[in-house]
Amino acid sequence: MEIRQITENKKQFLQLLLLADEQEDMIDRYLSRGELFALYDPFPPHLRAVCVVTLEAPGVYEIKNLATVPRYQRRGYARGLIEFLFSQYRRDGKTMLVGTGESPLTLPFYEKCGFRFSHRIPNFFTEHYDHPIYEDGVLLRDMVVLRREFPR
């Protein structure tokens, strides 16, 4: 796999980013200030997954969006991006955060990647999105923030 940092024309990945964050104006809040990474299978180069990471405080990074092309999900691409991020930011990183809904699909995935519960932001999805967000039949209300420390 090959991971490229995308510095220009980030909106070309909008359709894939919308899989992980359903509202374009919410993506716009972090896409310009975040670093976008795209994961490709190299032969031939086909896009498999994307990720946006922001710096929230010194040493504190946050995964704002992590999406895999649906037919390639559950093949390790998202996990590969997460491990890449930990190597990419290890020098300055102290903590990596990720906010997600209370979904039976995403919470176990992040926990398997070493993230643990940090805190909850009540009513995040109901107050910040213009429509109800459902994942795997579950209405998302609160944002669950998970954290993983960088190894020292």
C-alpha atoms as a PDB file:
ATOM      1  CA  MET A   1       0.000   0.000   0.000  1.00  0.00           C
ATOM      2  CA  GLU A   2       1.049   3.568  -0.641  1.00  0.00           C
ATOM      3  CA  ILE A   3      -0.028   6.558   1.431  1.00  0.00           C
ATOM      4  CA  ARG A   4       0.151  10.049  -0.035  1.00  0.00           C
ATOM      5  CA  GLN A   5      -0.397  13.361   1.682  1.00  0.00           C
ATOM      6  CA  ILE A   6      -2.798  15.481  -0.345  1.00  0.00           C
ATOM      7  CA  THR A   7      -2.082  19.211  -0.114  1.00  0.00           C
ATOM      8  CA  GLU A   8      -4.130  20.580  -3.016  1.00  0.00           C
ATOM      9  CA  ASN A   9      -7.640  20.035  -4.349  1.00  0.00           C
ATOM     10  CA  LYS A  10      -8.722  18.161  -1.225  1.00  0.00           C
ATOM     11  CA  LYS A  11     -12.373  18.397  -2.242  1.00  0.00           C
ATOM     12  CA  GLN A  12     -11.740  15.830  -4.994  1.00  0.00           C
ATOM     13  CA  PHE A  13     -12.091  13.258  -2.182  1.00  0.00           C
ATOM     14  CA  LEU A  14     -15.427  14.663  -0.958  1.00  0.00           C
ATOM     15  CA  GLN A  15     -17.561  11.675  -1.994  1.00  0.00           C
ATOM     16  CA  LEU A  16     -15.416   9.331   0.062  1.00  0.00           C
ATOM     17  CA  LEU A  17     -15.177  11.746   3.009  1.00  0.00           C
ATOM     18  CA  LEU A  18     -18.984  11.961   3.053  1.00  0.00           C
ATOM     19  CA  LEU A  19     -19.118   8.257   3.954  1.00  0.00           C
ATOM     20  CA  ALA A  20     -17.649   9.076   7.370  1.00  0.00           C
ATOM     21  CA  ASP A  21     -19.187  12.536   7.834  1.00  0.00           C
ATOM     22  CA  GLU A  22     -22.511  12.966   6.066  1.00  0.00           C
ATOM     23  CA  GLN A  23     -22.650  16.761   5.930  1.00  0.00           C
ATOM     24  CA  GLU A  24     -20.380  18.755   3.639  1.00  0.00           C
ATOM     25  CA  ASP A  25     -20.342  21.918   5.741  1.00  0.00           C
ATOM     26  CA  MET A  26     -19.094  19.870   8.712  1.00  0.00           C
ATOM     27  CA  ILE A  27     -16.248  18.515   6.544  1.00  0.00           C
ATOM     28  CA  ASP A  28     -15.464  22.064   5.451  1.00  0.00           C
ATOM     29  CA  ARG A  29     -14.815  22.994   9.099  1.00  0.00           C
ATOM     30  CA  TYR A  30     -11.723  20.789   9.291  1.00  0.00           C
ATOM     31  CA  LEU A  31     -10.650  19.892   5.760  1.00  0.00           C
ATOM     32  CA  SER A  32      -8.749  23.113   5.020  1.00  0.00           C
ATOM     33  CA  ARG A  33      -6.883  23.111   8.341  1.00  0.00           C
ATOM     34  CA  GLY A  34      -6.331  19.362   8.445  1.00  0.00           C
ATOM     35  CA  GLU A  35      -3.821  17.102   6.772  1.00  0.00           C
ATOM     36  CA  LEU A  36      -5.408  14.734   4.272  1.00  0.00           C
ATOM     37  CA  PHE A  37      -3.887  11.346   3.555  1.00  0.00           C
ATOM     38  CA  ALA A  38      -4.983   8.953   0.808  1.00  0.00           C
ATOM     39  CA  LEU A  39      -4.155   5.260   0.805  1.00  0.00           C
ATOM     40  CA  TYR A  40      -3.713   3.503  -2.519  1.00  0.00           C
ATOM     41  CA  ASP A  41      -3.074  -0.031  -3.616  1.00  0.00           C
ATOM     42  CA  PRO A  42      -0.062   0.605  -5.845  1.00  0.00           C
ATOM     43  CA  PHE A  43      -0.487  -1.789  -8.785  1.00  0.00           C
ATOM     44  CA  PRO A  44      -2.401  -0.270 -10.440  1.00  0.00           C
ATOM     45  CA  PRO A  45      -2.874   2.716  -8.126  1.00  0.00           C
ATOM     46  CA  HIS A  46      -6.449   2.556  -6.838  1.00  0.00           C
ATOM     47  CA  LEU A  47      -7.756   4.693  -3.990  1.00  0.00           C
ATOM     48  CA  ARG A  48      -8.840   2.592  -1.028  1.00  0.00           C
ATOM     49  CA  ALA A  49      -9.173   4.969   1.969  1.00  0.00           C
ATOM     50  CA  VAL A  50      -8.717   8.556   3.146  1.00  0.00           C
ATOM     51  CA  CYS A  51      -8.118  10.227   6.489  1.00  0.00           C
ATOM     52  CA  VAL A  52      -8.091  13.816   7.754  1.00  0.00           C
ATOM     53  CA  VAL A  53      -6.072  14.708  10.867  1.00  0.00           C
ATOM     54  CA  THR A  54      -5.981  18.043  12.690  1.00  0.00           C
ATOM     55  CA  LEU A  55      -3.675  19.454  15.326  1.00  0.00           C
ATOM     56  CA  GLU A  56      -5.911  20.418  18.268  1.00  0.00           C
ATOM     57  CA  ALA A  57      -3.258  21.434  20.811  1.00  0.00           C
ATOM     58  CA  PRO A  58       0.508  20.925  21.107  1.00  0.00           C
ATOM     59  CA  GLY A  59       1.030  17.177  20.782  1.00  0.00           C
ATOM     60  CA  VAL A  60      -2.708  16.452  20.466  1.00  0.00           C
ATOM     61  CA  TYR A  61      -3.912  15.252  17.061  1.00  0.00           C
ATOM     62  CA  GLU A  62      -7.443  14.290  16.107  1.00  0.00           C
ATOM     63  CA  ILE A  63      -8.701  11.991  13.387  1.00  0.00           C
ATOM     64  CA  LYS A  64     -11.603  13.973  11.989  1.00  0.00           C
ATOM     65  CA  ASN A  65     -12.510  11.654   9.151  1.00  0.00           C
ATOM     66  CA  LEU A  66     -11.518   8.112   8.215  1.00  0.00           C
ATOM     67  CA  ALA A  67     -13.312   6.487   5.288  1.00  0.00           C
ATOM     68  CA  THR A  68     -12.724   3.401   3.179  1.00  0.00           C
ATOM     69  CA  VAL A  69     -14.228   2.683  -0.236  1.00  0.00           C
ATOM     70  CA  PRO A  70     -17.173   0.418   0.708  1.00  0.00           C
ATOM     71  CA  ARG A  71     -16.177  -2.635  -1.344  1.00  0.00           C
ATOM     72  CA  TYR A  72     -12.723  -2.576   0.309  1.00  0.00           C
ATOM     73  CA  GLN A  73     -13.868  -2.254   3.912  1.00  0.00           C
ATOM     74  CA  ARG A  74     -12.717  -4.823   6.472  1.00  0.00           C
ATOM     75  CA  ARG A  75      -9.458  -5.447   4.623  1.00  0.00           C
ATOM     76  CA  GLY A  76      -7.123  -3.509   6.935  1.00  0.00           C
ATOM     77  CA  TYR A  77      -6.884  -0.241   4.983  1.00  0.00           C
ATOM     78  CA  ALA A  78      -8.274   1.972   7.757  1.00  0.00           C
ATOM     79  CA  ARG A  79      -6.130   0.229  10.359  1.00  0.00           C
ATOM     80  CA  GLY A  80      -3.126   0.742   8.072  1.00  0.00           C
ATOM     81  CA  LEU A  81      -3.868   4.465   7.912  1.00  0.00           C
ATOM     82  CA  ILE A  82      -4.105   4.674  11.700  1.00  0.00           C
ATOM     83  CA  GLU A  83      -0.757   2.957  12.164  1.00  0.00           C
ATOM     84  CA  PHE A  84       0.726   5.269   9.530  1.00  0.00           C
ATOM     85  CA  LEU A  85      -0.564   8.281  11.495  1.00  0.00           C
ATOM     86  CA  PHE A  86       1.121   7.050  14.653  1.00  0.00           C
ATOM     87  CA  SER A  87       4.427   6.781  12.816  1.00  0.00           C
ATOM     88  CA  GLN A  88       3.864  10.111  11.020  1.00  0.00           C
ATOM     89  CA  TYR A  89       3.211  12.093  14.212  1.00  0.00           C
ATOM     90  CA  ARG A  90       5.252  10.101  16.746  1.00  0.00           C
ATOM     91  CA  ARG A  91       7.973  12.734  17.165  1.00  0.00           C
ATOM     92  CA  ASP A  92       5.616  15.503  18.323  1.00  0.00           C
ATOM     93  CA  GLY A  93       2.548  13.482  19.247  1.00  0.00           C
ATOM     94  CA  LYS A  94       1.375  12.805  22.760  1.00  0.00           C
ATOM     95  CA  THR A  95      -2.251  11.862  22.157  1.00  0.00           C
ATOM     96  CA  MET A  96      -4.428  10.949  19.180  1.00  0.00           C
ATOM     97  CA  LEU A  97      -8.152  11.551  19.552  1.00  0.00           C
ATOM     98  CA  VAL A  98     -11.071  10.403  17.475  1.00  0.00           C
ATOM     99  CA  GLY A  99     -14.712  11.390  17.867  1.00  0.00           C
ATOM    100  CA  THR A 100     -17.411   9.040  16.698  1.00  0.00           C
ATOM    101  CA  GLY A 101     -21.005   8.135  17.287  1.00  0.00           C
ATOM    102  CA  GLU A 102     -22.074   5.404  19.640  1.00  0.00           C
ATOM    103  CA  SER A 103     -22.213   2.863  16.860  1.00  0.00           C
ATOM    104  CA  PRO A 104     -21.735  -0.896  17.035  1.00  0.00           C
ATOM    105  CA  LEU A 105     -19.611  -0.617  13.878  1.00  0.00           C
ATOM    106  CA  THR A 106     -17.138   2.136  14.691  1.00  0.00           C
ATOM    107  CA  LEU A 107     -16.541   1.896  18.437  1.00  0.00           C
ATOM    108  CA  PRO A 108     -15.254  -1.709  18.344  1.00  0.00           C
ATOM    109  CA  PHE A 109     -13.038  -0.869  15.357  1.00  0.00           C
ATOM    110  CA  TYR A 110     -11.298   1.988  17.177  1.00  0.00           C
ATOM    111  CA  GLU A 111     -11.007  -0.056  20.361  1.00  0.00           C
ATOM    112  CA  LYS A 112      -9.264  -2.815  18.367  1.00  0.00           C
ATOM    113  CA  CYS A 113      -6.879  -0.110  17.129  1.00  0.00           C
ATOM    114  CA  GLY A 114      -5.907   0.716  20.721  1.00  0.00           C
ATOM    115  CA  PHE A 115      -8.198   3.688  21.431  1.00  0.00           C
ATOM    116  CA  ARG A 116      -9.924   3.983  24.803  1.00  0.00           C
ATOM    117  CA  PHE A 117     -12.846   6.073  26.061  1.00  0.00           C
ATOM    118  CA  SER A 118     -11.910   9.653  26.925  1.00  0.00           C
ATOM    119  CA  HIS A 119     -15.154  11.595  27.219  1.00  0.00           C
ATOM    120  CA  ARG A 120     -18.536  12.240  25.686  1.00  0.00           C
ATOM    121  CA  ILE A 121     -19.921  15.366  24.020  1.00  0.00           C
ATOM    122  CA  PRO A 122     -23.680  15.288  24.692  1.00  0.00           C
ATOM    123  CA  ASN A 123     -26.043  15.880  21.766  1.00  0.00           C
ATOM    124  CA  PHE A 124     -23.227  16.636  19.325  1.00  0.00           C
ATOM    125  CA  PHE A 125     -24.898  14.978  16.341  1.00  0.00           C
ATOM    126  CA  THR A 126     -28.386  16.292  17.072  1.00  0.00           C
ATOM    127  CA  GLU A 127     -27.161  19.880  17.542  1.00  0.00           C
ATOM    128  CA  HIS A 128     -24.579  20.139  14.732  1.00  0.00           C
ATOM    129  CA  TYR A 129     -26.195  18.248  11.867  1.00  0.00           C
ATOM    130  CA  ASP A 130     -29.243  19.341   9.900  1.00  0.00           C
ATOM    131  CA  HIS A 131     -30.675  15.807   9.773  1.00  0.00           C
ATOM    132  CA  PRO A 132     -30.692  12.702  11.984  1.00  0.00           C
ATOM    133  CA  ILE A 133     -27.592  10.534  11.556  1.00  0.00           C
ATOM    134  CA  TYR A 134     -28.061   6.776  11.712  1.00  0.00           C
ATOM    135  CA  GLU A 135     -25.323   4.183  11.659  1.00  0.00           C
ATOM    136  CA  ASP A 136     -26.195   0.506  11.546  1.00  0.00           C
ATOM    137  CA  GLY A 137     -29.738   1.417  12.591  1.00  0.00           C
ATOM    138  CA  VAL A 138     -28.609   3.434  15.626  1.00  0.00           C
ATOM    139  CA  LEU A 139     -29.538   7.128  15.905  1.00  0.00           C
ATOM    140  CA  LEU A 140     -26.372   9.011  16.801  1.00  0.00           C
ATOM    141  CA  ARG A 141     -26.782  11.650  19.504  1.00  0.00           C
ATOM    142  CA  ASP A 142     -23.644  12.033  21.599  1.00  0.00           C
ATOM    143  CA  MET A 143     -20.116  12.078  20.244  1.00  0.00           C
ATOM    144  CA  VAL A 144     -17.909   9.552  21.977  1.00  0.00           C
ATOM    145  CA  VAL A 145     -14.307  10.759  22.081  1.00  0.00           C
ATOM    146  CA  LEU A 146     -11.644   8.077  22.243  1.00  0.00           C
ATOM    147  CA  ARG A 147      -7.927   8.524  22.847  1.00  0.00           C
ATOM    148  CA  ARG A 148      -4.728   6.649  22.241  1.00  0.00           C
ATOM    149  CA  GLU A 149      -1.402   7.736  23.607  1.00  0.00           C
ATOM    150  CA  PHE A 150       1.734   7.770  21.490  1.00  0.00           C
ATOM    151  CA  PRO A 151       4.369   5.319  22.719  1.00  0.00           C
ATOM    152  CA  ARG A 152       7.342   6.911  24.459  1.00  0.00           C
END
